[in-house]
Amino acid sequence: MKRVWITVAMVLSVAACNDDSGTEYLGKWESVNHNRFPWLIERNGNAFIARLLDTNSGGAQSIPAMLKDGTLMLQTPIGNLPLAIDKKSGHLLISGDEFQKSS
């Protein structure tokens, strides 16, 4: 019986390591409303990194992000900025701007 519980515990710990929460945020997001720079959101270990891509210079500003209660939060110097995905359109909402996934 002890062996069964050890096996169950191991399976659960492996499942927890393979957490795919936040995958809906991953990818490149292009502006819908304005001609804004696109965002690229990637995994960074157990967290995320959001890159604001400067299409003029080819550079990027990288901002760490974390998932909190299903919402991706950008960790900025002035506080956390929530990124939400509109359930109806599938668009990413950031500070009043709307982005659609391009890849």
C-alpha atoms as a PDB file:
ATOM      1  CA  MET A   1       0.000   0.000   0.000  1.00  0.00           C
ATOM      2  CA  LYS A   2       2.855   2.342   0.824  1.00  0.00           C
ATOM      3  CA  ARG A   3       4.317   1.724  -2.648  1.00  0.00           C
ATOM      4  CA  VAL A   4       0.999   2.787  -4.273  1.00  0.00           C
ATOM      5  CA  TRP A   5       0.982   6.100  -2.382  1.00  0.00           C
ATOM      6  CA  ILE A   6       4.581   6.808  -3.344  1.00  0.00           C
ATOM      7  CA  THR A   7       3.737   6.143  -7.001  1.00  0.00           C
ATOM      8  CA  VAL A   8       0.680   8.430  -6.823  1.00  0.00           C
ATOM      9  CA  ALA A   9       2.764  11.188  -5.226  1.00  0.00           C
ATOM     10  CA  MET A  10       5.403  10.895  -7.948  1.00  0.00           C
ATOM     11  CA  VAL A  11       2.821  11.055 -10.747  1.00  0.00           C
ATOM     12  CA  LEU A  12       1.201  14.140  -9.213  1.00  0.00           C
ATOM     13  CA  SER A  13       4.529  15.915  -8.798  1.00  0.00           C
ATOM     14  CA  VAL A  14       5.459  15.251 -12.440  1.00  0.00           C
ATOM     15  CA  ALA A  15       2.043  16.506 -13.568  1.00  0.00           C
ATOM     16  CA  ALA A  16       2.546  19.710 -11.574  1.00  0.00           C
ATOM     17  CA  CYS A  17       5.889  20.295 -13.313  1.00  0.00           C
ATOM     18  CA  ASN A  18       4.213  20.040 -16.716  1.00  0.00           C
ATOM     19  CA  ASP A  19       1.779  22.869 -15.982  1.00  0.00           C
ATOM     20  CA  ASP A  20       0.645  24.459 -19.240  1.00  0.00           C
ATOM     21  CA  SER A  21      -1.226  27.345 -17.610  1.00  0.00           C
ATOM     22  CA  GLY A  22      -0.880  30.546 -19.561  1.00  0.00           C
ATOM     23  CA  THR A  23      -0.261  28.952 -22.947  1.00  0.00           C
ATOM     24  CA  GLU A  24      -3.046  31.098 -24.404  1.00  0.00           C
ATOM     25  CA  TYR A  25      -0.788  34.146 -23.901  1.00  0.00           C
ATOM     26  CA  LEU A  26       2.197  32.714 -25.792  1.00  0.00           C
ATOM     27  CA  GLY A  27       3.020  34.013 -29.260  1.00  0.00           C
ATOM     28  CA  LYS A  28       3.214  37.236 -31.221  1.00  0.00           C
ATOM     29  CA  TRP A  29       0.414  39.772 -30.831  1.00  0.00           C
ATOM     30  CA  GLU A  30      -0.258  42.544 -33.400  1.00  0.00           C
ATOM     31  CA  SER A  31      -2.198  45.750 -32.675  1.00  0.00           C
ATOM     32  CA  VAL A  32      -5.827  45.863 -33.824  1.00  0.00           C
ATOM     33  CA  ASN A  33      -6.784  49.453 -32.904  1.00  0.00           C
ATOM     34  CA  HIS A  34      -3.624  51.429 -33.613  1.00  0.00           C
ATOM     35  CA  ASN A  35      -0.326  51.069 -35.335  1.00  0.00           C
ATOM     36  CA  ARG A  36       1.362  50.011 -32.061  1.00  0.00           C
ATOM     37  CA  PHE A  37       4.460  47.889 -31.738  1.00  0.00           C
ATOM     38  CA  PRO A  38       3.711  44.160 -31.483  1.00  0.00           C
ATOM     39  CA  TRP A  39       4.242  42.044 -28.367  1.00  0.00           C
ATOM     40  CA  LEU A  40       5.987  38.681 -28.193  1.00  0.00           C
ATOM     41  CA  ILE A  41       5.166  36.604 -25.111  1.00  0.00           C
ATOM     42  CA  GLU A  42       7.346  33.601 -24.272  1.00  0.00           C
ATOM     43  CA  ARG A  43       7.925  31.235 -21.378  1.00  0.00           C
ATOM     44  CA  ASN A  44      10.879  32.022 -19.146  1.00  0.00           C
ATOM     45  CA  GLY A  45      11.258  28.981 -16.917  1.00  0.00           C
ATOM     46  CA  ASN A  46       8.211  28.944 -14.613  1.00  0.00           C
ATOM     47  CA  ALA A  47       7.405  32.555 -15.485  1.00  0.00           C
ATOM     48  CA  PHE A  48       6.994  34.548 -18.697  1.00  0.00           C
ATOM     49  CA  ILE A  49       8.787  37.301 -20.568  1.00  0.00           C
ATOM     50  CA  ALA A  50       6.875  39.855 -22.642  1.00  0.00           C
ATOM     51  CA  ARG A  51       8.855  41.649 -25.330  1.00  0.00           C
ATOM     52  CA  LEU A  52       7.618  44.897 -26.841  1.00  0.00           C
ATOM     53  CA  LEU A  53       9.099  44.681 -30.340  1.00  0.00           C
ATOM     54  CA  ASP A  54      10.334  47.916 -31.943  1.00  0.00           C
ATOM     55  CA  THR A  55       9.734  47.253 -35.627  1.00  0.00           C
ATOM     56  CA  ASN A  56      11.667  50.398 -36.596  1.00  0.00           C
ATOM     57  CA  SER A  57      14.968  49.600 -34.874  1.00  0.00           C
ATOM     58  CA  GLY A  58      14.616  45.822 -34.583  1.00  0.00           C
ATOM     59  CA  GLY A  59      15.138  46.074 -30.821  1.00  0.00           C
ATOM     60  CA  ALA A  60      12.880  44.922 -28.019  1.00  0.00           C
ATOM     61  CA  GLN A  61      12.037  45.938 -24.484  1.00  0.00           C
ATOM     62  CA  SER A  62      11.746  42.849 -22.267  1.00  0.00           C
ATOM     63  CA  ILE A  63       9.414  42.850 -19.276  1.00  0.00           C
ATOM     64  CA  PRO A  64       9.107  39.948 -16.825  1.00  0.00           C
ATOM     65  CA  ALA A  65       5.602  38.604 -16.270  1.00  0.00           C
ATOM     66  CA  MET A  66       3.889  36.076 -14.033  1.00  0.00           C
ATOM     67  CA  LEU A  67       0.551  34.298 -14.074  1.00  0.00           C
ATOM     68  CA  LYS A  68      -1.707  35.213 -11.158  1.00  0.00           C
ATOM     69  CA  ASP A  69      -5.190  33.703 -10.893  1.00  0.00           C
ATOM     70  CA  GLY A  70      -5.228  33.025 -14.644  1.00  0.00           C
ATOM     71  CA  THR A  71      -4.220  36.581 -15.626  1.00  0.00           C
ATOM     72  CA  LEU A  72      -0.771  37.410 -16.944  1.00  0.00           C
ATOM     73  CA  MET A  73       0.749  40.298 -14.987  1.00  0.00           C
ATOM     74  CA  LEU A  74       3.569  42.417 -16.421  1.00  0.00           C
ATOM     75  CA  GLN A  75       5.961  43.346 -13.618  1.00  0.00           C
ATOM     76  CA  THR A  76       6.732  47.016 -14.302  1.00  0.00           C
ATOM     77  CA  PRO A  77       8.622  49.508 -12.104  1.00  0.00           C
ATOM     78  CA  ILE A  78       5.321  51.231 -11.234  1.00  0.00           C
ATOM     79  CA  GLY A  79       3.481  48.010 -10.375  1.00  0.00           C
ATOM     80  CA  ASN A  80       1.838  45.029 -12.013  1.00  0.00           C
ATOM     81  CA  LEU A  81      -0.030  45.580 -15.279  1.00  0.00           C
ATOM     82  CA  PRO A  82      -2.674  42.940 -16.088  1.00  0.00           C
ATOM     83  CA  LEU A  83      -2.972  41.420 -19.557  1.00  0.00           C
ATOM     84  CA  ALA A  84      -6.334  39.858 -20.270  1.00  0.00           C
ATOM     85  CA  ILE A  85      -7.641  37.793 -23.156  1.00  0.00           C
ATOM     86  CA  ASP A  86     -11.141  38.712 -24.287  1.00  0.00           C
ATOM     87  CA  LYS A  87     -13.094  35.428 -24.256  1.00  0.00           C
ATOM     88  CA  LYS A  88     -15.338  36.533 -27.146  1.00  0.00           C
ATOM     89  CA  SER A  89     -12.724  37.839 -29.612  1.00  0.00           C
ATOM     90  CA  GLY A  90      -9.623  36.014 -28.365  1.00  0.00           C
ATOM     91  CA  HIS A  91      -7.786  39.352 -28.416  1.00  0.00           C
ATOM     92  CA  LEU A  92      -5.181  40.385 -25.855  1.00  0.00           C
ATOM     93  CA  LEU A  93      -6.076  43.549 -23.929  1.00  0.00           C
ATOM     94  CA  ILE A  94      -3.257  45.757 -22.590  1.00  0.00           C
ATOM     95  CA  SER A  95      -3.947  49.216 -21.112  1.00  0.00           C
ATOM     96  CA  GLY A  96      -6.912  49.916 -23.378  1.00  0.00           C
ATOM     97  CA  ASP A  97      -5.195  48.592 -26.523  1.00  0.00           C
ATOM     98  CA  GLU A  98      -6.280  45.430 -28.303  1.00  0.00           C
ATOM     99  CA  PHE A  99      -3.979  42.903 -29.984  1.00  0.00           C
ATOM    100  CA  GLN A 100      -4.690  39.820 -32.082  1.00  0.00           C
ATOM    101  CA  LYS A 101      -2.457  36.769 -32.202  1.00  0.00           C
ATOM    102  CA  SER A 102      -0.420  36.597 -35.390  1.00  0.00           C
ATOM    103  CA  SER A 103       1.648  33.484 -34.684  1.00  0.00           C
END
